[in-house]
């Protein structure tokens, strides 16, 4: 697996499916919604089903988990430059829906740094 070094959030999401740990996702059927604001903003739907990951732009009608934050924070968290927990505690990251699934996300993409 190659390391990712995306420069935009859109590029990050385009590269993400290739980073999924299929074994970790074995029994998972989940829809993650990213609602990102600011310069790197956008809406992205991450669907994990049958050990595969699909990404689409837009808003899902009924996601399991929604992450709302600035796009810049999202890139930093995903690159490991910022702690997701710290951003959530500061109120800059809002998570709604299934918190268990939210916590599981990092384990699904162990190579994402």
PDB file of N, CA and C in Angstrom:
ATOM      1  N   UNK A   1       0.829  -1.192   0.000  1.00  0.00           N
ATOM      2  CA  UNK A   1       0.000   0.000   0.000  1.00  0.00           C
ATOM      3  C   UNK A   1       0.865   1.243   0.000  1.00  0.00           C
ATOM      4  N   UNK A   2       0.500   2.171  -0.823  1.00  0.00           N
ATOM      5  CA  UNK A   2       1.273   3.406  -0.866  1.00  0.00           C
ATOM      6  C   UNK A   2       0.704   4.389   0.142  1.00  0.00           C
ATOM      7  N   UNK A   3       1.549   5.272   0.602  1.00  0.00           N
ATOM      8  CA  UNK A   3       1.052   6.279   1.530  1.00  0.00           C
ATOM      9  C   UNK A   3       0.356   7.375   0.738  1.00  0.00           C
ATOM     10  N   UNK A   4      -0.594   7.955   1.367  1.00  0.00           N
ATOM     11  CA  UNK A   4      -1.377   8.999   0.721  1.00  0.00           C
ATOM     12  C   UNK A   4      -0.791  10.352   1.094  1.00  0.00           C
ATOM     13  N   UNK A   5      -0.767  11.230   0.136  1.00  0.00           N
ATOM     14  CA  UNK A   5      -0.365  12.597   0.448  1.00  0.00           C
ATOM     15  C   UNK A   5      -1.234  13.568  -0.341  1.00  0.00           C
ATOM     16  N   UNK A   6      -2.545  13.525  -0.076  1.00  0.00           N
ATOM     17  CA  UNK A   6      -3.441  14.392  -0.833  1.00  0.00           C
ATOM     18  C   UNK A   6      -3.261  15.847  -0.432  1.00  0.00           C
ATOM     19  N   UNK A   7      -3.499  16.728  -1.365  1.00  0.00           N
ATOM     20  CA  UNK A   7      -3.378  18.147  -1.063  1.00  0.00           C
ATOM     21  C   UNK A   7      -4.749  18.793  -0.891  1.00  0.00           C
ATOM     22  N   UNK A   8      -5.795  18.130  -1.364  1.00  0.00           N
ATOM     23  CA  UNK A   8      -7.151  18.650  -1.180  1.00  0.00           C
ATOM     24  C   UNK A   8      -8.016  17.565  -0.572  1.00  0.00           C
ATOM     25  N   UNK A   9      -9.104  17.982   0.053  1.00  0.00           N
ATOM     26  CA  UNK A   9     -10.016  17.024   0.675  1.00  0.00           C
ATOM     27  C   UNK A   9     -10.655  16.141  -0.393  1.00  0.00           C
ATOM     28  N   UNK A  10     -10.944  16.698  -1.552  1.00  0.00           N
ATOM     29  CA  UNK A  10     -11.545  15.919  -2.640  1.00  0.00           C
ATOM     30  C   UNK A  10     -10.596  14.802  -3.075  1.00  0.00           C
ATOM     31  N   UNK A  11      -9.320  15.152  -3.220  1.00  0.00           N
ATOM     32  CA  UNK A  11      -8.314  14.163  -3.600  1.00  0.00           C
ATOM     33  C   UNK A  11      -8.212  13.089  -2.522  1.00  0.00           C
ATOM     34  N   UNK A  12      -8.273  13.516  -1.263  1.00  0.00           N
ATOM     35  CA  UNK A  12      -8.212  12.559  -0.163  1.00  0.00           C
ATOM     36  C   UNK A  12      -9.325  11.518  -0.287  1.00  0.00           C
ATOM     37  N   UNK A  13     -10.558  11.988  -0.476  1.00  0.00           N
ATOM     38  CA  UNK A  13     -11.682  11.062  -0.558  1.00  0.00           C
ATOM     39  C   UNK A  13     -11.603  10.179  -1.796  1.00  0.00           C
ATOM     40  N   UNK A  14     -11.034  10.688  -2.886  1.00  0.00           N
ATOM     41  CA  UNK A  14     -10.879   9.874  -4.090  1.00  0.00           C
ATOM     42  C   UNK A  14      -9.893   8.732  -3.859  1.00  0.00           C
ATOM     43  N   UNK A  15      -8.882   8.973  -3.031  1.00  0.00           N
ATOM     44  CA  UNK A  15      -7.858   7.961  -2.759  1.00  0.00           C
ATOM     45  C   UNK A  15      -8.272   6.978  -1.667  1.00  0.00           C
ATOM     46  N   UNK A  16      -9.231   7.358  -0.839  1.00  0.00           N
ATOM     47  CA  UNK A  16      -9.583   6.592   0.353  1.00  0.00           C
ATOM     48  C   UNK A  16      -9.998   5.137   0.112  1.00  0.00           C
ATOM     49  N   UNK A  17     -10.831   4.819  -0.888  1.00  0.00           N
ATOM     50  CA  UNK A  17     -11.252   3.417  -1.055  1.00  0.00           C
ATOM     51  C   UNK A  17     -10.093   2.430  -1.151  1.00  0.00           C
ATOM     52  N   UNK A  18      -8.983   2.833  -1.742  1.00  0.00           N
ATOM     53  CA  UNK A  18      -7.828   1.950  -1.867  1.00  0.00           C
ATOM     54  C   UNK A  18      -7.096   1.707  -0.567  1.00  0.00           C
ATOM     55  N   UNK A  19      -7.454   2.436   0.478  1.00  0.00           N
ATOM     56  CA  UNK A  19      -6.786   2.330   1.772  1.00  0.00           C
ATOM     57  C   UNK A  19      -7.567   1.478   2.782  1.00  0.00           C
ATOM     58  N   UNK A  20      -8.746   1.010   2.395  1.00  0.00           N
ATOM     59  CA  UNK A  20      -9.592   0.251   3.335  1.00  0.00           C
ATOM     60  C   UNK A  20      -8.948  -1.079   3.719  1.00  0.00           C
ATOM     61  N   UNK A  21      -8.967  -1.392   5.005  1.00  0.00           N
ATOM     62  CA  UNK A  21      -8.561  -2.708   5.494  1.00  0.00           C
ATOM     63  C   UNK A  21      -9.792  -3.612   5.394  1.00  0.00           C
ATOM     64  N   UNK A  22      -9.842  -4.433   4.343  1.00  0.00           N
ATOM     65  CA  UNK A  22     -11.029  -5.246   4.062  1.00  0.00           C
ATOM     66  C   UNK A  22     -11.358  -6.196   5.214  1.00  0.00           C
ATOM     67  N   UNK A  23     -10.341  -6.716   5.899  1.00  0.00           N
ATOM     68  CA  UNK A  23     -10.594  -7.625   7.024  1.00  0.00           C
ATOM     69  C   UNK A  23     -11.294  -6.903   8.170  1.00  0.00           C
ATOM     70  N   UNK A  24     -10.868  -5.674   8.437  1.00  0.00           N
ATOM     71  CA  UNK A  24     -11.480  -4.891   9.517  1.00  0.00           C
ATOM     72  C   UNK A  24     -12.924  -4.549   9.168  1.00  0.00           C
ATOM     73  N   UNK A  25     -13.219  -4.474   7.877  1.00  0.00           N
ATOM     74  CA  UNK A  25     -14.558  -4.078   7.423  1.00  0.00           C
ATOM     75  C   UNK A  25     -15.453  -5.277   7.134  1.00  0.00           C
ATOM     76  N   UNK A  26     -15.015  -6.470   7.499  1.00  0.00           N
ATOM     77  CA  UNK A  26     -15.685  -7.706   7.097  1.00  0.00           C
ATOM     78  C   UNK A  26     -17.193  -7.719   7.310  1.00  0.00           C
ATOM     79  N   UNK A  27     -17.651  -7.383   8.513  1.00  0.00           N
ATOM     80  CA  UNK A  27     -19.089  -7.481   8.798  1.00  0.00           C
ATOM     81  C   UNK A  27     -19.767  -6.115   8.835  1.00  0.00           C
ATOM     82  N   UNK A  28     -19.094  -5.123   8.305  1.00  0.00           N
ATOM     83  CA  UNK A  28     -19.598  -3.759   8.430  1.00  0.00           C
ATOM     84  C   UNK A  28     -20.487  -3.363   7.265  1.00  0.00           C
ATOM     85  N   UNK A  29     -21.562  -2.672   7.594  1.00  0.00           N
ATOM     86  CA  UNK A  29     -22.426  -2.060   6.584  1.00  0.00           C
ATOM     87  C   UNK A  29     -22.774  -0.695   7.150  1.00  0.00           C
ATOM     88  N   UNK A  30     -22.023   0.321   6.719  1.00  0.00           N
ATOM     89  CA  UNK A  30     -22.164   1.631   7.347  1.00  0.00           C
ATOM     90  C   UNK A  30     -22.040   2.753   6.322  1.00  0.00           C
ATOM     91  N   UNK A  31     -22.751   3.838   6.614  1.00  0.00           N
ATOM     92  CA  UNK A  31     -22.673   5.040   5.785  1.00  0.00           C
ATOM     93  C   UNK A  31     -22.194   6.191   6.669  1.00  0.00           C
ATOM     94  N   UNK A  32     -21.048   6.756   6.287  1.00  0.00           N
ATOM     95  CA  UNK A  32     -20.480   7.904   6.985  1.00  0.00           C
ATOM     96  C   UNK A  32     -20.687   9.146   6.120  1.00  0.00           C
ATOM     97  N   UNK A  33     -21.223  10.178   6.722  1.00  0.00           N
ATOM     98  CA  UNK A  33     -21.421  11.451   6.008  1.00  0.00           C
ATOM     99  C   UNK A  33     -20.408  12.454   6.533  1.00  0.00           C
ATOM    100  N   UNK A  34     -19.645  13.068   5.639  1.00  0.00           N
ATOM    101  CA  UNK A  34     -18.735  14.152   6.001  1.00  0.00           C
ATOM    102  C   UNK A  34     -19.329  15.442   5.465  1.00  0.00           C
ATOM    103  N   UNK A  35     -19.614  16.362   6.370  1.00  0.00           N
ATOM    104  CA  UNK A  35     -20.171  17.661   6.005  1.00  0.00           C
ATOM    105  C   UNK A  35     -19.108  18.696   6.363  1.00  0.00           C
ATOM    106  N   UNK A  36     -18.354  19.120   5.360  1.00  0.00           N
ATOM    107  CA  UNK A  36     -17.172  19.938   5.594  1.00  0.00           C
ATOM    108  C   UNK A  36     -17.384  21.367   5.123  1.00  0.00           C
ATOM    109  N   UNK A  37     -16.939  22.309   5.942  1.00  0.00           N
ATOM    110  CA  UNK A  37     -17.135  23.720   5.633  1.00  0.00           C
ATOM    111  C   UNK A  37     -15.805  24.382   5.318  1.00  0.00           C
ATOM    112  N   UNK A  38     -15.867  25.611   4.860  1.00  0.00           N
ATOM    113  CA  UNK A  38     -14.664  26.392   4.626  1.00  0.00           C
ATOM    114  C   UNK A  38     -14.056  26.159   3.254  1.00  0.00           C
ATOM    115  N   UNK A  39     -12.797  26.566   3.135  1.00  0.00           N
ATOM    116  CA  UNK A  39     -12.092  26.530   1.864  1.00  0.00           C
ATOM    117  C   UNK A  39     -11.999  25.113   1.294  1.00  0.00           C
ATOM    118  N   UNK A  40     -11.770  24.132   2.158  1.00  0.00           N
ATOM    119  CA  UNK A  40     -11.674  22.730   1.724  1.00  0.00           C
ATOM    120  C   UNK A  40     -13.011  22.017   1.941  1.00  0.00           C
ATOM    121  N   UNK A  41     -14.087  22.751   1.894  1.00  0.00           N
ATOM    122  CA  UNK A  41     -15.392  22.194   2.221  1.00  0.00           C
ATOM    123  C   UNK A  41     -15.976  21.306   1.130  1.00  0.00           C
ATOM    124  N   UNK A  42     -17.057  20.652   1.481  1.00  0.00           N
ATOM    125  CA  UNK A  42     -17.765  19.775   0.564  1.00  0.00           C
ATOM    126  C   UNK A  42     -18.517  18.720   1.352  1.00  0.00           C
ATOM    127  N   UNK A  43     -19.386  17.997   0.668  1.00  0.00           N
ATOM    128  CA  UNK A  43     -20.115  16.916   1.319  1.00  0.00           C
ATOM    129  C   UNK A  43     -19.696  15.607   0.647  1.00  0.00           C
ATOM    130  N   UNK A  44     -19.332  14.638   1.489  1.00  0.00           N
ATOM    131  CA  UNK A  44     -18.871  13.352   0.982  1.00  0.00           C
ATOM    132  C   UNK A  44     -19.558  12.224   1.735  1.00  0.00           C
ATOM    133  N   UNK A  45     -19.960  11.222   0.988  1.00  0.00           N
ATOM    134  CA  UNK A  45     -20.596  10.039   1.558  1.00  0.00           C
ATOM    135  C   UNK A  45     -19.617   8.882   1.422  1.00  0.00           C
ATOM    136  N   UNK A  46     -19.297   8.275   2.543  1.00  0.00           N
ATOM    137  CA  UNK A  46     -18.389   7.132   2.580  1.00  0.00           C
ATOM    138  C   UNK A  46     -19.235   5.913   2.933  1.00  0.00           C
ATOM    139  N   UNK A  47     -19.363   4.980   1.995  1.00  0.00           N
ATOM    140  CA  UNK A  47     -20.167   3.781   2.234  1.00  0.00           C
ATOM    141  C   UNK A  47     -19.242   2.584   2.336  1.00  0.00           C
ATOM    142  N   UNK A  48     -19.364   1.850   3.437  1.00  0.00           N
ATOM    143  CA  UNK A  48     -18.568   0.642   3.621  1.00  0.00           C
ATOM    144  C   UNK A  48     -19.529  -0.532   3.698  1.00  0.00           C
ATOM    145  N   UNK A  49     -19.390  -1.440   2.724  1.00  0.00           N
ATOM    146  CA  UNK A  49     -20.307  -2.567   2.614  1.00  0.00           C
ATOM    147  C   UNK A  49     -19.585  -3.696   1.880  1.00  0.00           C
ATOM    148  N   UNK A  50     -19.765  -4.913   2.347  1.00  0.00           N
ATOM    149  CA  UNK A  50     -19.178  -6.102   1.714  1.00  0.00           C
ATOM    150  C   UNK A  50     -17.672  -5.945   1.490  1.00  0.00           C
ATOM    151  N   UNK A  51     -16.984  -5.480   2.542  1.00  0.00           N
ATOM    152  CA  UNK A  51     -15.523  -5.350   2.551  1.00  0.00           C
ATOM    153  C   UNK A  51     -14.995  -4.387   1.499  1.00  0.00           C
ATOM    154  N   UNK A  52     -15.830  -3.440   1.056  1.00  0.00           N
ATOM    155  CA  UNK A  52     -15.414  -2.451   0.066  1.00  0.00           C
ATOM    156  C   UNK A  52     -15.845  -1.065   0.516  1.00  0.00           C
ATOM    157  N   UNK A  53     -15.162  -0.067  -0.009  1.00  0.00           N
ATOM    158  CA  UNK A  53     -15.447   1.318   0.334  1.00  0.00           C
ATOM    159  C   UNK A  53     -15.776   2.073  -0.944  1.00  0.00           C
ATOM    160  N   UNK A  54     -16.847   2.837  -0.895  1.00  0.00           N
ATOM    161  CA  UNK A  54     -17.214   3.698  -2.012  1.00  0.00           C
ATOM    162  C   UNK A  54     -17.357   5.117  -1.499  1.00  0.00           C
ATOM    163  N   UNK A  55     -16.957   6.064  -2.330  1.00  0.00           N
ATOM    164  CA  UNK A  55     -17.075   7.469  -1.969  1.00  0.00           C
ATOM    165  C   UNK A  55     -17.908   8.173  -3.030  1.00  0.00           C
ATOM    166  N   UNK A  56     -18.819   9.010  -2.575  1.00  0.00           N
ATOM    167  CA  UNK A  56     -19.623   9.823  -3.496  1.00  0.00           C
ATOM    168  C   UNK A  56     -19.715  11.222  -2.916  1.00  0.00           C
ATOM    169  N   UNK A  57     -19.891  12.197  -3.782  1.00  0.00           N
ATOM    170  CA  UNK A  57     -20.104  13.556  -3.296  1.00  0.00           C
ATOM    171  C   UNK A  57     -21.596  13.752  -3.065  1.00  0.00           C
ATOM    172  N   UNK A  58     -21.929  14.584  -2.084  1.00  0.00           N
ATOM    173  CA  UNK A  58     -23.323  14.888  -1.815  1.00  0.00           C
ATOM    174  C   UNK A  58     -23.719  14.532  -0.398  1.00  0.00           C
ATOM    175  N   UNK A  59     -25.024  14.621  -0.162  1.00  0.00           N
ATOM    176  CA  UNK A  59     -25.564  14.324   1.167  1.00  0.00           C
ATOM    177  C   UNK A  59     -26.406  13.057   1.096  1.00  0.00           C
ATOM    178  N   UNK A  60     -26.195  12.151   2.050  1.00  0.00           N
ATOM    179  CA  UNK A  60     -26.964  10.914   2.132  1.00  0.00           C
ATOM    180  C   UNK A  60     -28.249  11.182   2.914  1.00  0.00           C
ATOM    181  N   UNK A  61     -29.328  10.543   2.516  1.00  0.00           N
ATOM    182  CA  UNK A  61     -30.624  10.778   3.175  1.00  0.00           C
ATOM    183  C   UNK A  61     -30.642  10.270   4.616  1.00  0.00           C
ATOM    184  N   UNK A  62     -29.924   9.182   4.897  1.00  0.00           N
ATOM    185  CA  UNK A  62     -30.001   8.581   6.231  1.00  0.00           C
ATOM    186  C   UNK A  62     -28.675   7.918   6.614  1.00  0.00           C
ATOM    187  N   UNK A  63     -27.615   8.717   6.821  1.00  0.00           N
ATOM    188  CA  UNK A  63     -26.317   8.120   7.176  1.00  0.00           C
ATOM    189  C   UNK A  63     -26.313   7.589   8.607  1.00  0.00           C
ATOM    190  N   UNK A  64     -25.418   6.642   8.902  1.00  0.00           N
ATOM    191  CA  UNK A  64     -25.276   6.116  10.257  1.00  0.00           C
ATOM    192  C   UNK A  64     -24.541   7.111  11.160  1.00  0.00           C
ATOM    193  N   UNK A  65     -23.560   7.814  10.567  1.00  0.00           N
ATOM    194  CA  UNK A  65     -22.745   8.769  11.317  1.00  0.00           C
ATOM    195  C   UNK A  65     -22.534  10.019  10.464  1.00  0.00           C
ATOM    196  N   UNK A  66     -22.587  11.182  11.098  1.00  0.00           N
ATOM    197  CA  UNK A  66     -22.292  12.437  10.402  1.00  0.00           C
ATOM    198  C   UNK A  66     -21.151  13.136  11.143  1.00  0.00           C
ATOM    199  N   UNK A  67     -20.109  13.494  10.379  1.00  0.00           N
ATOM    200  CA  UNK A  67     -19.008  14.303  10.898  1.00  0.00           C
ATOM    201  C   UNK A  67     -19.150  15.690  10.295  1.00  0.00           C
ATOM    202  N   UNK A  68     -19.289  16.713  11.135  1.00  0.00           N
ATOM    203  CA  UNK A  68     -19.367  18.102  10.661  1.00  0.00           C
ATOM    204  C   UNK A  68     -18.165  18.854  11.197  1.00  0.00           C
ATOM    205  N   UNK A  69     -17.375  19.437  10.281  1.00  0.00           N
ATOM    206  CA  UNK A  69     -16.177  20.179  10.681  1.00  0.00           C
ATOM    207  C   UNK A  69     -15.667  20.970   9.491  1.00  0.00           C
ATOM    208  N   UNK A  70     -14.632  21.761   9.734  1.00  0.00           N
ATOM    209  CA  UNK A  70     -13.982  22.477   8.645  1.00  0.00           C
ATOM    210  C   UNK A  70     -13.158  21.483   7.827  1.00  0.00           C
ATOM    211  N   UNK A  71     -13.138  21.667   6.526  1.00  0.00           N
ATOM    212  CA  UNK A  71     -12.354  20.794   5.651  1.00  0.00           C
ATOM    213  C   UNK A  71     -10.880  20.776   6.022  1.00  0.00           C
ATOM    214  N   UNK A  72     -10.356  21.933   6.421  1.00  0.00           N
ATOM    215  CA  UNK A  72      -8.940  22.022   6.808  1.00  0.00           C
ATOM    216  C   UNK A  72      -8.654  21.137   8.018  1.00  0.00           C
ATOM    217  N   UNK A  73      -9.566  21.141   9.002  1.00  0.00           N
ATOM    218  CA  UNK A  73      -9.397  20.279  10.180  1.00  0.00           C
ATOM    219  C   UNK A  73      -9.466  18.817   9.776  1.00  0.00           C
ATOM    220  N   UNK A  74     -10.371  18.498   8.860  1.00  0.00           N
ATOM    221  CA  UNK A  74     -10.552  17.119   8.418  1.00  0.00           C
ATOM    222  C   UNK A  74      -9.256  16.569   7.817  1.00  0.00           C
ATOM    223  N   UNK A  75      -8.637  17.340   6.925  1.00  0.00           N
ATOM    224  CA  UNK A  75      -7.372  16.888   6.317  1.00  0.00           C
ATOM    225  C   UNK A  75      -6.312  16.671   7.386  1.00  0.00           C
ATOM    226  N   UNK A  76      -6.212  17.591   8.342  1.00  0.00           N
ATOM    227  CA  UNK A  76      -5.192  17.467   9.390  1.00  0.00           C
ATOM    228  C   UNK A  76      -5.439  16.242  10.267  1.00  0.00           C
ATOM    229  N   UNK A  77      -6.695  15.979  10.588  1.00  0.00           N
ATOM    230  CA  UNK A  77      -7.029  14.800  11.387  1.00  0.00           C
ATOM    231  C   UNK A  77      -6.663  13.536  10.608  1.00  0.00           C
ATOM    232  N   UNK A  78      -7.055  13.493   9.338  1.00  0.00           N
ATOM    233  CA  UNK A  78      -6.830  12.298   8.536  1.00  0.00           C
ATOM    234  C   UNK A  78      -5.348  12.049   8.272  1.00  0.00           C
ATOM    235  N   UNK A  79      -4.564  13.105   8.270  1.00  0.00           N
ATOM    236  CA  UNK A  79      -3.112  12.955   8.085  1.00  0.00           C
ATOM    237  C   UNK A  79      -2.395  12.716   9.415  1.00  0.00           C
ATOM    238  N   UNK A  80      -3.147  12.742  10.513  1.00  0.00           N
ATOM    239  CA  UNK A  80      -2.539  12.516  11.821  1.00  0.00           C
ATOM    240  C   UNK A  80      -1.851  13.751  12.395  1.00  0.00           C
ATOM    241  N   UNK A  81      -2.095  14.920  11.827  1.00  0.00           N
ATOM    242  CA  UNK A  81      -1.476  16.158  12.320  1.00  0.00           C
ATOM    243  C   UNK A  81      -2.312  16.785  13.433  1.00  0.00           C
ATOM    244  N   UNK A  82      -3.524  16.289  13.604  1.00  0.00           N
ATOM    245  CA  UNK A  82      -4.449  16.855  14.577  1.00  0.00           C
ATOM    246  C   UNK A  82      -5.228  15.690  15.179  1.00  0.00           C
ATOM    247  N   UNK A  83      -5.483  15.748  16.472  1.00  0.00           N
ATOM    248  CA  UNK A  83      -6.236  14.691  17.137  1.00  0.00           C
ATOM    249  C   UNK A  83      -7.736  14.918  16.961  1.00  0.00           C
ATOM    250  N   UNK A  84      -8.424  13.908  16.428  1.00  0.00           N
ATOM    251  CA  UNK A  84      -9.868  13.998  16.257  1.00  0.00           C
ATOM    252  C   UNK A  84     -10.565  14.245  17.583  1.00  0.00           C
ATOM    253  N   UNK A  85     -10.060  13.603  18.641  1.00  0.00           N
ATOM    254  CA  UNK A  85     -10.641  13.764  19.967  1.00  0.00           C
ATOM    255  C   UNK A  85     -10.498  15.212  20.436  1.00  0.00           C
ATOM    256  N   UNK A  86      -9.321  15.785  20.224  1.00  0.00           N
ATOM    257  CA  UNK A  86      -9.085  17.165  20.653  1.00  0.00           C
ATOM    258  C   UNK A  86      -9.991  18.133  19.896  1.00  0.00           C
ATOM    259  N   UNK A  87     -10.150  17.899  18.597  1.00  0.00           N
ATOM    260  CA  UNK A  87     -11.004  18.774  17.788  1.00  0.00           C
ATOM    261  C   UNK A  87     -12.462  18.642  18.236  1.00  0.00           C
ATOM    262  N   UNK A  88     -12.881  17.416  18.556  1.00  0.00           N
ATOM    263  CA  UNK A  88     -14.247  17.199  19.031  1.00  0.00           C
ATOM    264  C   UNK A  88     -14.463  17.891  20.374  1.00  0.00           C
ATOM    265  N   UNK A  89     -13.482  17.780  21.270  1.00  0.00           N
ATOM    266  CA  UNK A  89     -13.595  18.395  22.592  1.00  0.00           C
ATOM    267  C   UNK A  89     -13.670  19.918  22.503  1.00  0.00           C
ATOM    268  N   UNK A  90     -12.990  20.482  21.500  1.00  0.00           N
ATOM    269  CA  UNK A  90     -12.975  21.942  21.354  1.00  0.00           C
ATOM    270  C   UNK A  90     -14.242  22.446  20.674  1.00  0.00           C
ATOM    271  N   UNK A  91     -15.080  21.512  20.206  1.00  0.00           N
ATOM    272  CA  UNK A  91     -16.334  21.901  19.578  1.00  0.00           C
ATOM    273  C   UNK A  91     -16.212  22.162  18.079  1.00  0.00           C
ATOM    274  N   UNK A  92     -15.006  21.986  17.517  1.00  0.00           N
ATOM    275  CA  UNK A  92     -14.833  22.228  16.084  1.00  0.00           C
ATOM    276  C   UNK A  92     -15.251  21.020  15.246  1.00  0.00           C
ATOM    277  N   UNK A  93     -15.422  19.870  15.898  1.00  0.00           N
ATOM    278  CA  UNK A  93     -15.908  18.661  15.214  1.00  0.00           C
ATOM    279  C   UNK A  93     -17.187  18.229  15.902  1.00  0.00           C
ATOM    280  N   UNK A  94     -18.246  18.082  15.117  1.00  0.00           N
ATOM    281  CA  UNK A  94     -19.503  17.588  15.671  1.00  0.00           C
ATOM    282  C   UNK A  94     -19.784  16.225  15.050  1.00  0.00           C
ATOM    283  N   UNK A  95     -20.065  15.258  15.923  1.00  0.00           N
ATOM    284  CA  UNK A  95     -20.374  13.907  15.466  1.00  0.00           C
ATOM    285  C   UNK A  95     -21.794  13.600  15.900  1.00  0.00           C
ATOM    286  N   UNK A  96     -22.617  13.175  14.950  1.00  0.00           N
ATOM    287  CA  UNK A  96     -23.963  12.751  15.315  1.00  0.00           C
ATOM    288  C   UNK A  96     -24.196  11.367  14.742  1.00  0.00           C
ATOM    289  N   UNK A  97     -25.088  10.634  15.401  1.00  0.00           N
ATOM    290  CA  UNK A  97     -25.379   9.275  14.957  1.00  0.00           C
ATOM    291  C   UNK A  97     -24.671   8.256  15.826  1.00  0.00           C
ATOM    292  N   UNK A  98     -24.218   7.163  15.216  1.00  0.00           N
ATOM    293  CA  UNK A  98     -23.632   6.025  15.920  1.00  0.00           C
ATOM    294  C   UNK A  98     -22.177   6.315  16.288  1.00  0.00           C
ATOM    295  N   UNK A  99     -21.941   6.649  17.550  1.00  0.00           N
ATOM    296  CA  UNK A  99     -20.594   7.001  18.002  1.00  0.00           C
ATOM    297  C   UNK A  99     -19.662   5.790  17.909  1.00  0.00           C
ATOM    298  N   UNK A 100     -20.191   4.600  18.121  1.00  0.00           N
ATOM    299  CA  UNK A 100     -19.382   3.381  18.001  1.00  0.00           C
ATOM    300  C   UNK A 100     -18.796   3.245  16.604  1.00  0.00           C
ATOM    301  N   UNK A 101     -19.614   3.494  15.593  1.00  0.00           N
ATOM    302  CA  UNK A 101     -19.131   3.451  14.208  1.00  0.00           C
ATOM    303  C   UNK A 101     -18.109   4.556  13.961  1.00  0.00           C
ATOM    304  N   UNK A 102     -18.345   5.708  14.564  1.00  0.00           N
ATOM    305  CA  UNK A 102     -17.402   6.821  14.408  1.00  0.00           C
ATOM    306  C   UNK A 102     -16.032   6.433  14.950  1.00  0.00           C
ATOM    307  N   UNK A 103     -16.013   5.777  16.109  1.00  0.00           N
ATOM    308  CA  UNK A 103     -14.753   5.373  16.733  1.00  0.00           C
ATOM    309  C   UNK A 103     -14.047   4.297  15.899  1.00  0.00           C
ATOM    310  N   UNK A 104     -14.816   3.513  15.180  1.00  0.00           N
ATOM    311  CA  UNK A 104     -14.278   2.397  14.397  1.00  0.00           C
ATOM    312  C   UNK A 104     -13.585   2.866  13.111  1.00  0.00           C
ATOM    313  N   UNK A 105     -13.879   4.069  12.680  1.00  0.00           N
ATOM    314  CA  UNK A 105     -13.407   4.547  11.382  1.00  0.00           C
ATOM    315  C   UNK A 105     -11.891   4.461  11.226  1.00  0.00           C
ATOM    316  N   UNK A 106     -11.148   4.879  12.247  1.00  0.00           N
ATOM    317  CA  UNK A 106      -9.683   4.878  12.174  1.00  0.00           C
ATOM    318  C   UNK A 106      -9.142   3.468  11.933  1.00  0.00           C
ATOM    319  N   UNK A 107      -9.739   2.467  12.578  1.00  0.00           N
ATOM    320  CA  UNK A 107      -9.286   1.087  12.426  1.00  0.00           C
ATOM    321  C   UNK A 107      -9.506   0.544  11.013  1.00  0.00           C
ATOM    322  N   UNK A 108     -10.471   1.112  10.313  1.00  0.00           N
ATOM    323  CA  UNK A 108     -10.766   0.649   8.951  1.00  0.00           C
ATOM    324  C   UNK A 108      -9.717   1.115   7.955  1.00  0.00           C
ATOM    325  N   UNK A 109      -9.026   2.190   8.307  1.00  0.00           N
ATOM    326  CA  UNK A 109      -8.021   2.763   7.400  1.00  0.00           C
ATOM    327  C   UNK A 109      -6.689   2.925   8.138  1.00  0.00           C
ATOM    328  N   UNK A 110      -6.070   1.793   8.545  1.00  0.00           N
ATOM    329  CA  UNK A 110      -4.870   1.871   9.386  1.00  0.00           C
ATOM    330  C   UNK A 110      -3.675   2.527   8.701  1.00  0.00           C
ATOM    331  N   UNK A 111      -3.634   2.535   7.387  1.00  0.00           N
ATOM    332  CA  UNK A 111      -2.474   3.102   6.685  1.00  0.00           C
ATOM    333  C   UNK A 111      -2.599   4.589   6.467  1.00  0.00           C
ATOM    334  N   UNK A 112      -3.772   5.157   6.746  1.00  0.00           N
ATOM    335  CA  UNK A 112      -3.966   6.594   6.535  1.00  0.00           C
ATOM    336  C   UNK A 112      -3.277   7.341   7.653  1.00  0.00           C
ATOM    337  N   UNK A 113      -2.303   8.155   7.280  1.00  0.00           N
ATOM    338  CA  UNK A 113      -1.534   8.916   8.279  1.00  0.00           C
ATOM    339  C   UNK A 113      -1.558  10.380   7.909  1.00  0.00           C
TER     340      UNK A 113
END
